[in-house]
Amino acid sequence: EKEFDFAATYSYVNTARMTTSRGRYCEGYKLLNKHKGSITS
């Protein structure tokens, strides 16, 4: 019935917290966004 959410359905991770909890995914997200638009090699 509700909208299908792959991450929420197939994993134990709370998808609402993916970009706010301290972890590799969140930290990578923060570092990439810090340089968004100007990422060099």
PDB file of all heavy atoms in Angstrom:
ATOM      1  N   GLU A   1       0.817  -1.211   0.000  1.00  0.00           N
ATOM      2  CA  GLU A   1       0.000   0.000   0.000  1.00  0.00           C
ATOM      3  C   GLU A   1       0.855   1.268   0.000  1.00  0.00           C
ATOM      4  O   GLU A   1       0.688   2.132  -0.842  1.00  0.00           O
ATOM      5  CB  GLU A   1      -0.937   0.011   1.220  1.00  0.00           C
ATOM      6  CG  GLU A   1      -1.907  -1.157   1.273  1.00  0.00           C
ATOM      7  CD  GLU A   1      -2.934  -1.122   0.153  1.00  0.00           C
ATOM      8  OE1 GLU A   1      -3.412  -0.023  -0.189  1.00  0.00           O
ATOM      9  OE2 GLU A   1      -3.243  -2.211  -0.380  1.00  0.00           O
ATOM     10  N   LYS A   2       1.745   1.363   0.982  1.00  0.00           N
ATOM     11  CA  LYS A   2       2.562   2.584   1.076  1.00  0.00           C
ATOM     12  C   LYS A   2       3.636   2.572  -0.002  1.00  0.00           C
ATOM     13  O   LYS A   2       3.939   1.534  -0.603  1.00  0.00           O
ATOM     14  CB  LYS A   2       3.174   2.733   2.470  1.00  0.00           C
ATOM     15  CG  LYS A   2       4.160   1.676   2.849  1.00  0.00           C
ATOM     16  CD  LYS A   2       4.673   1.911   4.265  1.00  0.00           C
ATOM     17  CE  LYS A   2       5.630   0.784   4.620  1.00  0.00           C
ATOM     18  NZ  LYS A   2       6.046   0.800   5.974  1.00  0.00           N
ATOM     19  N   GLU A   3       4.227   3.748  -0.242  1.00  0.00           N
ATOM     20  CA  GLU A   3       5.265   3.868  -1.259  1.00  0.00           C
ATOM     21  C   GLU A   3       6.416   2.914  -0.935  1.00  0.00           C
ATOM     22  O   GLU A   3       6.841   2.800   0.208  1.00  0.00           O
ATOM     23  CB  GLU A   3       5.774   5.318  -1.319  1.00  0.00           C
ATOM     24  CG  GLU A   3       6.784   5.564  -2.407  1.00  0.00           C
ATOM     25  CD  GLU A   3       7.191   7.033  -2.518  1.00  0.00           C
ATOM     26  OE1 GLU A   3       7.166   7.754  -1.495  1.00  0.00           O
ATOM     27  OE2 GLU A   3       7.533   7.448  -3.634  1.00  0.00           O
ATOM     28  N   PHE A   4       6.918   2.224  -1.945  1.00  0.00           N
ATOM     29  CA  PHE A   4       7.982   1.252  -1.757  1.00  0.00           C
ATOM     30  C   PHE A   4       9.311   1.964  -1.560  1.00  0.00           C
ATOM     31  O   PHE A   4       9.693   2.818  -2.352  1.00  0.00           O
ATOM     32  CB  PHE A   4       8.071   0.305  -2.961  1.00  0.00           C
ATOM     33  CG  PHE A   4       9.091  -0.781  -2.787  1.00  0.00           C
ATOM     34  CD1 PHE A   4       8.796  -1.896  -2.032  1.00  0.00           C
ATOM     35  CD2 PHE A   4      10.349  -0.670  -3.363  1.00  0.00           C
ATOM     36  CE1 PHE A   4       9.737  -2.904  -1.849  1.00  0.00           C
ATOM     37  CE2 PHE A   4      11.293  -1.662  -3.188  1.00  0.00           C
ATOM     38  CZ  PHE A   4      10.987  -2.786  -2.430  1.00  0.00           C
ATOM     39  N   ASP A   5      10.034   1.612  -0.503  1.00  0.00           N
ATOM     40  CA  ASP A   5      11.339   2.172  -0.156  1.00  0.00           C
ATOM     41  C   ASP A   5      12.303   1.000  -0.053  1.00  0.00           C
ATOM     42  O   ASP A   5      12.220   0.198   0.879  1.00  0.00           O
ATOM     43  CB  ASP A   5      11.231   2.923   1.173  1.00  0.00           C
ATOM     44  CG  ASP A   5      12.528   3.564   1.636  1.00  0.00           C
ATOM     45  OD1 ASP A   5      13.600   2.957   1.454  1.00  0.00           O
ATOM     46  OD2 ASP A   5      12.460   4.660   2.219  1.00  0.00           O
ATOM     47  N   PHE A   6      13.207   0.876  -1.027  1.00  0.00           N
ATOM     48  CA  PHE A   6      14.105  -0.273  -1.083  1.00  0.00           C
ATOM     49  C   PHE A   6      14.955  -0.403   0.175  1.00  0.00           C
ATOM     50  O   PHE A   6      15.019  -1.472   0.785  1.00  0.00           O
ATOM     51  CB  PHE A   6      14.996  -0.186  -2.335  1.00  0.00           C
ATOM     52  CG  PHE A   6      15.990  -1.305  -2.451  1.00  0.00           C
ATOM     53  CD1 PHE A   6      15.571  -2.605  -2.677  1.00  0.00           C
ATOM     54  CD2 PHE A   6      17.348  -1.064  -2.340  1.00  0.00           C
ATOM     55  CE1 PHE A   6      16.489  -3.655  -2.788  1.00  0.00           C
ATOM     56  CE2 PHE A   6      18.273  -2.094  -2.452  1.00  0.00           C
ATOM     57  CZ  PHE A   6      17.842  -3.395  -2.675  1.00  0.00           C
ATOM     58  N   ALA A   7      15.643   0.662   0.571  1.00  0.00           N
ATOM     59  CA  ALA A   7      16.528   0.599   1.739  1.00  0.00           C
ATOM     60  C   ALA A   7      15.751   0.266   3.006  1.00  0.00           C
ATOM     61  O   ALA A   7      16.191  -0.555   3.814  1.00  0.00           O
ATOM     62  CB  ALA A   7      17.292   1.909   1.906  1.00  0.00           C
ATOM     63  N   ALA A   8      14.602   0.879   3.186  1.00  0.00           N
ATOM     64  CA  ALA A   8      13.810   0.627   4.391  1.00  0.00           C
ATOM     65  C   ALA A   8      13.254  -0.797   4.400  1.00  0.00           C
ATOM     66  O   ALA A   8      13.128  -1.411   5.458  1.00  0.00           O
ATOM     67  CB  ALA A   8      12.676   1.630   4.495  1.00  0.00           C
ATOM     68  N   THR A   9      12.934  -1.326   3.239  1.00  0.00           N
ATOM     69  CA  THR A   9      12.326  -2.652   3.144  1.00  0.00           C
ATOM     70  C   THR A   9      13.356  -3.768   3.248  1.00  0.00           C
ATOM     71  O   THR A   9      13.121  -4.776   3.910  1.00  0.00           O
ATOM     72  CB  THR A   9      11.559  -2.784   1.811  1.00  0.00           C
ATOM     73  OG1 THR A   9      10.599  -1.726   1.739  1.00  0.00           O
ATOM     74  CG2 THR A   9      10.862  -4.121   1.699  1.00  0.00           C
ATOM     75  N   TYR A  10      14.502  -3.602   2.617  1.00  0.00           N
ATOM     76  CA  TYR A  10      15.489  -4.670   2.536  1.00  0.00           C
ATOM     77  C   TYR A  10      16.649  -4.541   3.524  1.00  0.00           C
ATOM     78  O   TYR A  10      17.595  -5.311   3.455  1.00  0.00           O
ATOM     79  CB  TYR A  10      16.033  -4.770   1.108  1.00  0.00           C
ATOM     80  CG  TYR A  10      15.140  -5.601   0.211  1.00  0.00           C
ATOM     81  CD1 TYR A  10      14.007  -5.058  -0.388  1.00  0.00           C
ATOM     82  CD2 TYR A  10      15.419  -6.940  -0.033  1.00  0.00           C
ATOM     83  CE1 TYR A  10      13.186  -5.817  -1.203  1.00  0.00           C
ATOM     84  CE2 TYR A  10      14.602  -7.716  -0.846  1.00  0.00           C
ATOM     85  CZ  TYR A  10      13.492  -7.151  -1.426  1.00  0.00           C
ATOM     86  OH  TYR A  10      12.679  -7.916  -2.224  1.00  0.00           O
ATOM     87  N   SER A  11      16.611  -3.573   4.424  1.00  0.00           N
ATOM     88  CA  SER A  11      17.685  -3.469   5.419  1.00  0.00           C
ATOM     89  C   SER A  11      17.107  -3.048   6.755  1.00  0.00           C
ATOM     90  O   SER A  11      15.940  -2.713   6.879  1.00  0.00           O
ATOM     91  CB  SER A  11      18.757  -2.472   4.964  1.00  0.00           C
ATOM     92  OG  SER A  11      18.305  -1.144   5.100  1.00  0.00           O
ATOM     93  N   TYR A  12      17.968  -3.045   7.742  1.00  0.00           N
ATOM     94  CA  TYR A  12      17.579  -2.651   9.090  1.00  0.00           C
ATOM     95  C   TYR A  12      17.832  -1.176   9.364  1.00  0.00           C
ATOM     96  O   TYR A  12      17.529  -0.675  10.427  1.00  0.00           O
ATOM     97  CB  TYR A  12      18.343  -3.495  10.117  1.00  0.00           C
ATOM     98  CG  TYR A  12      19.836  -3.328  10.019  1.00  0.00           C
ATOM     99  CD1 TYR A  12      20.487  -2.335  10.729  1.00  0.00           C
ATOM    100  CD2 TYR A  12      20.584  -4.143   9.184  1.00  0.00           C
ATOM    101  CE1 TYR A  12      21.852  -2.150  10.606  1.00  0.00           C
ATOM    102  CE2 TYR A  12      21.957  -3.972   9.063  1.00  0.00           C
ATOM    103  CZ  TYR A  12      22.582  -2.975   9.782  1.00  0.00           C
ATOM    104  OH  TYR A  12      23.932  -2.790   9.661  1.00  0.00           O
ATOM    105  N   VAL A  13      18.404  -0.448   8.397  1.00  0.00           N
ATOM    106  CA  VAL A  13      18.780   0.949   8.598  1.00  0.00           C
ATOM    107  C   VAL A  13      17.553   1.853   8.499  1.00  0.00           C
ATOM    108  O   VAL A  13      16.730   1.707   7.604  1.00  0.00           O
ATOM    109  CB  VAL A  13      19.840   1.379   7.557  1.00  0.00           C
ATOM    110  CG1 VAL A  13      20.148   2.863   7.660  1.00  0.00           C
ATOM    111  CG2 VAL A  13      21.112   0.564   7.737  1.00  0.00           C
ATOM    112  N   ASN A  14      17.447   2.789   9.422  1.00  0.00           N
ATOM    113  CA  ASN A  14      16.392   3.797   9.369  1.00  0.00           C
ATOM    114  C   ASN A  14      16.800   4.816   8.309  1.00  0.00           C
ATOM    115  O   ASN A  14      17.732   5.588   8.501  1.00  0.00           O
ATOM    116  CB  ASN A  14      16.245   4.461  10.745  1.00  0.00           C
ATOM    117  CG  ASN A  14      15.201   5.560  10.759  1.00  0.00           C
ATOM    118  OD1 ASN A  14      14.765   6.057   9.717  1.00  0.00           O
ATOM    119  ND2 ASN A  14      14.787   5.936  11.951  1.00  0.00           N
ATOM    120  N   THR A  15      16.102   4.813   7.177  1.00  0.00           N
ATOM    121  CA  THR A  15      16.518   5.664   6.059  1.00  0.00           C
ATOM    122  C   THR A  15      16.412   7.147   6.371  1.00  0.00           C
ATOM    123  O   THR A  15      17.095   7.954   5.753  1.00  0.00           O
ATOM    124  CB  THR A  15      15.708   5.338   4.789  1.00  0.00           C
ATOM    125  OG1 THR A  15      14.320   5.499   5.074  1.00  0.00           O
ATOM    126  CG2 THR A  15      15.977   3.932   4.316  1.00  0.00           C
ATOM    127  N   ALA A  16      15.600   7.525   7.323  1.00  0.00           N
ATOM    128  CA  ALA A  16      15.495   8.937   7.694  1.00  0.00           C
ATOM    129  C   ALA A  16      16.776   9.428   8.364  1.00  0.00           C
ATOM    130  O   ALA A  16      17.044  10.617   8.392  1.00  0.00           O
ATOM    131  CB  ALA A  16      14.304   9.147   8.618  1.00  0.00           C
ATOM    132  N   ARG A  17      17.580   8.504   8.908  1.00  0.00           N
ATOM    133  CA  ARG A  17      18.795   8.875   9.631  1.00  0.00           C
ATOM    134  C   ARG A  17      20.069   8.654   8.822  1.00  0.00           C
ATOM    135  O   ARG A  17      21.166   8.900   9.310  1.00  0.00           O
ATOM    136  CB  ARG A  17      18.882   8.067  10.931  1.00  0.00           C
ATOM    137  CG  ARG A  17      17.731   8.357  11.886  1.00  0.00           C
ATOM    138  CD  ARG A  17      17.880   7.623  13.202  1.00  0.00           C
ATOM    139  NE  ARG A  17      19.127   8.019  13.835  1.00  0.00           N
ATOM    140  CZ  ARG A  17      19.963   7.170  14.420  1.00  0.00           C
ATOM    141  NH1 ARG A  17      19.713   5.897  14.454  1.00  0.00           N
ATOM    142  NH2 ARG A  17      21.080   7.601  14.961  1.00  0.00           N
ATOM    143  N   MET A  18      19.960   8.204   7.572  1.00  0.00           N
ATOM    144  CA  MET A  18      21.145   7.842   6.787  1.00  0.00           C
ATOM    145  C   MET A  18      22.157   8.973   6.668  1.00  0.00           C
ATOM    146  O   MET A  18      23.351   8.741   6.697  1.00  0.00           O
ATOM    147  CB  MET A  18      20.760   7.385   5.374  1.00  0.00           C
ATOM    148  CG  MET A  18      20.172   6.023   5.328  1.00  0.00           C
ATOM    149  SD  MET A  18      20.002   5.355   3.658  1.00  0.00           S
ATOM    150  CE  MET A  18      19.258   6.672   2.743  1.00  0.00           C
ATOM    151  N   THR A  19      21.686  10.189   6.497  1.00  0.00           N
ATOM    152  CA  THR A  19      22.613  11.304   6.275  1.00  0.00           C
ATOM    153  C   THR A  19      22.844  12.137   7.536  1.00  0.00           C
ATOM    154  O   THR A  19      23.456  13.189   7.474  1.00  0.00           O
ATOM    155  CB  THR A  19      22.098  12.224   5.142  1.00  0.00           C
ATOM    156  OG1 THR A  19      20.798  12.690   5.479  1.00  0.00           O
ATOM    157  CG2 THR A  19      22.069  11.473   3.816  1.00  0.00           C
ATOM    158  N   THR A  20      22.345  11.666   8.687  1.00  0.00           N
ATOM    159  CA  THR A  20      22.547  12.422   9.924  1.00  0.00           C
ATOM    160  C   THR A  20      23.281  11.632  10.994  1.00  0.00           C
ATOM    161  O   THR A  20      23.864  12.219  11.889  1.00  0.00           O
ATOM    162  CB  THR A  20      21.190  12.896  10.505  1.00  0.00           C
ATOM    163  OG1 THR A  20      20.359  11.762  10.731  1.00  0.00           O
ATOM    164  CG2 THR A  20      20.518  13.873   9.570  1.00  0.00           C
ATOM    165  N   SER A  21      23.264  10.304  10.944  1.00  0.00           N
ATOM    166  CA  SER A  21      23.955   9.518  11.971  1.00  0.00           C
ATOM    167  C   SER A  21      25.421   9.373  11.597  1.00  0.00           C
ATOM    168  O   SER A  21      25.770   9.352  10.426  1.00  0.00           O
ATOM    169  CB  SER A  21      23.306   8.137  12.103  1.00  0.00           C
ATOM    170  OG  SER A  21      23.446   7.431  10.887  1.00  0.00           O
ATOM    171  N   ARG A  22      26.270   9.299  12.597  1.00  0.00           N
ATOM    172  CA  ARG A  22      27.707   9.186  12.333  1.00  0.00           C
ATOM    173  C   ARG A  22      28.005   7.780  11.823  1.00  0.00           C
ATOM    174  O   ARG A  22      27.773   6.805  12.484  1.00  0.00           O
ATOM    175  CB  ARG A  22      28.498   9.484  13.597  1.00  0.00           C
ATOM    176  CG  ARG A  22      29.992   9.454  13.359  1.00  0.00           C
ATOM    177  CD  ARG A  22      30.694  10.438  14.279  1.00  0.00           C
ATOM    178  NE  ARG A  22      32.132  10.270  14.247  1.00  0.00           N
ATOM    179  CZ  ARG A  22      32.918  10.761  13.300  1.00  0.00           C
ATOM    180  NH1 ARG A  22      32.403  11.427  12.307  1.00  0.00           N
ATOM    181  NH2 ARG A  22      34.222  10.575  13.352  1.00  0.00           N
ATOM    182  N   GLY A  23      28.545   7.702  10.667  1.00  0.00           N
ATOM    183  CA  GLY A  23      28.916   6.438  10.038  1.00  0.00           C
ATOM    184  C   GLY A  23      29.585   6.749   8.717  1.00  0.00           C
ATOM    185  O   GLY A  23      29.603   7.902   8.258  1.00  0.00           O
ATOM    186  N   ARG A  24      30.126   5.734   8.076  1.00  0.00           N
ATOM    187  CA  ARG A  24      30.874   5.953   6.833  1.00  0.00           C
ATOM    188  C   ARG A  24      29.998   6.596   5.763  1.00  0.00           C
ATOM    189  O   ARG A  24      30.427   7.504   5.070  1.00  0.00           O
ATOM    190  CB  ARG A  24      31.444   4.635   6.331  1.00  0.00           C
ATOM    191  CG  ARG A  24      32.559   4.119   7.203  1.00  0.00           C
ATOM    192  CD  ARG A  24      33.089   2.790   6.712  1.00  0.00           C
ATOM    193  NE  ARG A  24      33.876   3.018   5.516  1.00  0.00           N
ATOM    194  CZ  ARG A  24      33.949   2.155   4.514  1.00  0.00           C
ATOM    195  NH1 ARG A  24      33.298   1.025   4.552  1.00  0.00           N
ATOM    196  NH2 ARG A  24      34.701   2.418   3.475  1.00  0.00           N
ATOM    197  N   TYR A  25      28.773   6.123   5.609  1.00  0.00           N
ATOM    198  CA  TYR A  25      27.908   6.688   4.569  1.00  0.00           C
ATOM    199  C   TYR A  25      27.647   8.168   4.847  1.00  0.00           C
ATOM    200  O   TYR A  25      27.803   9.013   3.976  1.00  0.00           O
ATOM    201  CB  TYR A  25      26.588   5.923   4.487  1.00  0.00           C
ATOM    202  CG  TYR A  25      25.662   6.502   3.446  1.00  0.00           C
ATOM    203  CD1 TYR A  25      25.800   6.145   2.110  1.00  0.00           C
ATOM    204  CD2 TYR A  25      24.682   7.436   3.780  1.00  0.00           C
ATOM    205  CE1 TYR A  25      24.989   6.689   1.137  1.00  0.00           C
ATOM    206  CE2 TYR A  25      23.868   7.992   2.815  1.00  0.00           C
ATOM    207  CZ  TYR A  25      24.017   7.614   1.499  1.00  0.00           C
ATOM    208  OH  TYR A  25      23.222   8.164   0.532  1.00  0.00           O
ATOM    209  N   CYS A  26      27.265   8.468   6.055  1.00  0.00           N
ATOM    210  CA  CYS A  26      26.947   9.851   6.438  1.00  0.00           C
ATOM    211  C   CYS A  26      28.164  10.754   6.319  1.00  0.00           C
ATOM    212  O   CYS A  26      28.075  11.865   5.787  1.00  0.00           O
ATOM    213  CB  CYS A  26      26.411   9.880   7.864  1.00  0.00           C
ATOM    214  SG  CYS A  26      26.068  11.541   8.476  1.00  0.00           S
ATOM    215  N   GLU A  27      29.301  10.286   6.786  1.00  0.00           N
ATOM    216  CA  GLU A  27      30.520  11.100   6.726  1.00  0.00           C
ATOM    217  C   GLU A  27      30.952  11.333   5.280  1.00  0.00           C
ATOM    218  O   GLU A  27      31.375  12.429   4.915  1.00  0.00           O
ATOM    219  CB  GLU A  27      31.634  10.448   7.542  1.00  0.00           C
ATOM    220  CG  GLU A  27      31.339  10.390   9.033  1.00  0.00           C
ATOM    221  CD  GLU A  27      31.074  11.759   9.643  1.00  0.00           C
ATOM    222  OE1 GLU A  27      31.879  12.680   9.434  1.00  0.00           O
ATOM    223  OE2 GLU A  27      30.053  11.904  10.335  1.00  0.00           O
ATOM    224  N   GLY A  28      30.836  10.308   4.436  1.00  0.00           N
ATOM    225  CA  GLY A  28      31.143  10.479   3.014  1.00  0.00           C
ATOM    226  C   GLY A  28      30.203  11.475   2.364  1.00  0.00           C
ATOM    227  O   GLY A  28      30.614  12.331   1.572  1.00  0.00           O
ATOM    228  N   TYR A  29      28.921  11.384   2.720  1.00  0.00           N
ATOM    229  CA  TYR A  29      27.906  12.308   2.212  1.00  0.00           C
ATOM    230  C   TYR A  29      28.266  13.750   2.572  1.00  0.00           C
ATOM    231  O   TYR A  29      28.217  14.653   1.739  1.00  0.00           O
ATOM    232  CB  TYR A  29      26.552  11.898   2.801  1.00  0.00           C
ATOM    233  CG  TYR A  29      25.386  12.763   2.414  1.00  0.00           C
ATOM    234  CD1 TYR A  29      24.702  12.554   1.219  1.00  0.00           C
ATOM    235  CD2 TYR A  29      24.957  13.786   3.252  1.00  0.00           C
ATOM    236  CE1 TYR A  29      23.616  13.340   0.874  1.00  0.00           C
ATOM    237  CE2 TYR A  29      23.883  14.582   2.914  1.00  0.00           C
ATOM    238  CZ  TYR A  29      23.217  14.352   1.728  1.00  0.00           C
ATOM    239  OH  TYR A  29      22.141  15.141   1.391  1.00  0.00           O
ATOM    240  N   LYS A  30      28.672  13.950   3.826  1.00  0.00           N
ATOM    241  CA  LYS A  30      29.045  15.298   4.291  1.00  0.00           C
ATOM    242  C   LYS A  30      30.275  15.827   3.548  1.00  0.00           C
ATOM    243  O   LYS A  30      30.298  16.979   3.111  1.00  0.00           O
ATOM    244  CB  LYS A  30      29.331  15.288   5.797  1.00  0.00           C
ATOM    245  CG  LYS A  30      28.112  15.161   6.665  1.00  0.00           C
ATOM    246  CD  LYS A  30      28.552  15.109   8.123  1.00  0.00           C
ATOM    247  CE  LYS A  30      27.427  14.774   9.048  1.00  0.00           C
ATOM    248  NZ  LYS A  30      27.901  14.595  10.436  1.00  0.00           N
ATOM    249  N   LEU A  31      31.299  14.978   3.426  1.00  0.00           N
ATOM    250  CA  LEU A  31      32.533  15.421   2.757  1.00  0.00           C
ATOM    251  C   LEU A  31      32.282  15.724   1.280  1.00  0.00           C
ATOM    252  O   LEU A  31      32.807  16.707   0.750  1.00  0.00           O
ATOM    253  CB  LEU A  31      33.624  14.359   2.906  1.00  0.00           C
ATOM    254  CG  LEU A  31      34.230  14.236   4.301  1.00  0.00           C
ATOM    255  CD1 LEU A  31      35.079  12.980   4.413  1.00  0.00           C
ATOM    256  CD2 LEU A  31      35.045  15.471   4.647  1.00  0.00           C
ATOM    257  N   LEU A  32      31.494  14.904   0.605  1.00  0.00           N
ATOM    258  CA  LEU A  32      31.187  15.165  -0.802  1.00  0.00           C
ATOM    259  C   LEU A  32      30.381  16.446  -0.956  1.00  0.00           C
ATOM    260  O   LEU A  32      30.646  17.256  -1.850  1.00  0.00           O
ATOM    261  CB  LEU A  32      30.430  13.985  -1.414  1.00  0.00           C
ATOM    262  CG  LEU A  32      31.263  12.723  -1.645  1.00  0.00           C
ATOM    263  CD1 LEU A  32      30.353  11.561  -1.999  1.00  0.00           C
ATOM    264  CD2 LEU A  32      32.303  12.951  -2.730  1.00  0.00           C
ATOM    265  N   ASN A  33      29.403  16.651  -0.088  1.00  0.00           N
ATOM    266  CA  ASN A  33      28.582  17.860  -0.183  1.00  0.00           C
ATOM    267  C   ASN A  33      29.352  19.121   0.181  1.00  0.00           C
ATOM    268  O   ASN A  33      29.051  20.189  -0.331  1.00  0.00           O
ATOM    269  CB  ASN A  33      27.316  17.720   0.667  1.00  0.00           C
ATOM    270  CG  ASN A  33      26.233  17.011  -0.098  1.00  0.00           C
ATOM    271  OD1 ASN A  33      25.667  17.560  -1.038  1.00  0.00           O
ATOM    272  ND2 ASN A  33      25.970  15.766   0.257  1.00  0.00           N
ATOM    273  N   LYS A  34      30.345  18.998   1.038  1.00  0.00           N
ATOM    274  CA  LYS A  34      31.193  20.137   1.392  1.00  0.00           C
ATOM    275  C   LYS A  34      31.902  20.678   0.145  1.00  0.00           C
ATOM    276  O   LYS A  34      32.123  21.881   0.025  1.00  0.00           O
ATOM    277  CB  LYS A  34      32.223  19.692   2.442  1.00  0.00           C
ATOM    278  CG  LYS A  34      33.224  20.723   2.847  1.00  0.00           C
ATOM    279  CD  LYS A  34      34.187  20.146   3.870  1.00  0.00           C
ATOM    280  CE  LYS A  34      35.329  21.099   4.153  1.00  0.00           C
ATOM    281  NZ  LYS A  34      36.308  20.500   5.063  1.00  0.00           N
ATOM    282  N   HIS A  35      32.239  19.790  -0.786  1.00  0.00           N
ATOM    283  CA  HIS A  35      32.981  20.179  -1.990  1.00  0.00           C
ATOM    284  C   HIS A  35      32.117  20.134  -3.253  1.00  0.00           C
ATOM    285  O   HIS A  35      32.649  20.265  -4.355  1.00  0.00           O
ATOM    286  CB  HIS A  35      34.180  19.258  -2.173  1.00  0.00           C
ATOM    287  CG  HIS A  35      35.147  19.309  -1.034  1.00  0.00           C
ATOM    288  ND1 HIS A  35      36.004  20.365  -0.837  1.00  0.00           N
ATOM    289  CD2 HIS A  35      35.376  18.449  -0.023  1.00  0.00           C
ATOM    290  CE1 HIS A  35      36.731  20.139   0.243  1.00  0.00           C
ATOM    291  NE2 HIS A  35      36.367  18.988   0.759  1.00  0.00           N
ATOM    292  N   LYS A  36      30.810  19.964  -3.088  1.00  0.00           N
ATOM    293  CA  LYS A  36      29.899  19.827  -4.231  1.00  0.00           C
ATOM    294  C   LYS A  36      30.093  20.974  -5.221  1.00  0.00           C
ATOM    295  O   LYS A  36      30.140  22.133  -4.843  1.00  0.00           O
ATOM    296  CB  LYS A  36      28.454  19.824  -3.703  1.00  0.00           C
ATOM    297  CG  LYS A  36      27.423  19.434  -4.705  1.00  0.00           C
ATOM    298  CD  LYS A  36      26.112  19.210  -3.946  1.00  0.00           C
ATOM    299  CE  LYS A  36      24.918  19.536  -4.751  1.00  0.00           C
ATOM    300  NZ  LYS A  36      23.695  19.301  -3.985  1.00  0.00           N
ATOM    301  N   GLY A  37      30.245  20.619  -6.480  1.00  0.00           N
ATOM    302  CA  GLY A  37      30.433  21.618  -7.520  1.00  0.00           C
ATOM    303  C   GLY A  37      31.885  21.947  -7.801  1.00  0.00           C
ATOM    304  O   GLY A  37      32.197  22.609  -8.790  1.00  0.00           O
ATOM    305  N   SER A  38      32.782  21.516  -6.908  1.00  0.00           N
ATOM    306  CA  SER A  38      34.202  21.824  -7.116  1.00  0.00           C
ATOM    307  C   SER A  38      35.089  20.627  -6.775  1.00  0.00           C
ATOM    308  O   SER A  38      36.226  20.797  -6.334  1.00  0.00           O
ATOM    309  CB  SER A  38      34.606  23.039  -6.276  1.00  0.00           C
ATOM    310  OG  SER A  38      34.428  22.757  -4.900  1.00  0.00           O
ATOM    311  N   ILE A  39      34.580  19.418  -6.965  1.00  0.00           N
ATOM    312  CA  ILE A  39      35.357  18.225  -6.642  1.00  0.00           C
ATOM    313  C   ILE A  39      36.376  17.970  -7.750  1.00  0.00           C
ATOM    314  O   ILE A  39      36.020  17.839  -8.914  1.00  0.00           O
ATOM    315  CB  ILE A  39      34.445  16.996  -6.439  1.00  0.00           C
ATOM    316  CG1 ILE A  39      33.531  17.222  -5.231  1.00  0.00           C
ATOM    317  CG2 ILE A  39      35.286  15.724  -6.252  1.00  0.00           C
ATOM    318  CD1 ILE A  39      32.511  16.137  -5.001  1.00  0.00           C
ATOM    319  N   THR A  40      37.631  17.926  -7.353  1.00  0.00           N
ATOM    320  CA  THR A  40      38.720  17.587  -8.266  1.00  0.00           C
ATOM    321  C   THR A  40      39.222  16.196  -7.896  1.00  0.00           C
ATOM    322  O   THR A  40      38.833  15.642  -6.848  1.00  0.00           O
ATOM    323  CB  THR A  40      39.882  18.595  -8.120  1.00  0.00           C
ATOM    324  OG1 THR A  40      40.396  18.490  -6.782  1.00  0.00           O
ATOM    325  CG2 THR A  40      39.432  20.023  -8.395  1.00  0.00           C
ATOM    326  N   SER A  41      40.098  15.650  -8.716  1.00  0.00           N
ATOM    327  CA  SER A  41      40.657  14.336  -8.378  1.00  0.00           C
ATOM    328  C   SER A  41      41.432  14.420  -7.063  1.00  0.00           C
ATOM    329  O   SER A  41      41.370  13.497  -6.247  1.00  0.00           O
ATOM    330  CB  SER A  41      41.529  13.803  -9.514  1.00  0.00           C
ATOM    331  OG  SER A  41      42.512  14.728  -9.875  1.00  0.00           O
TER     332      SER A  41
END
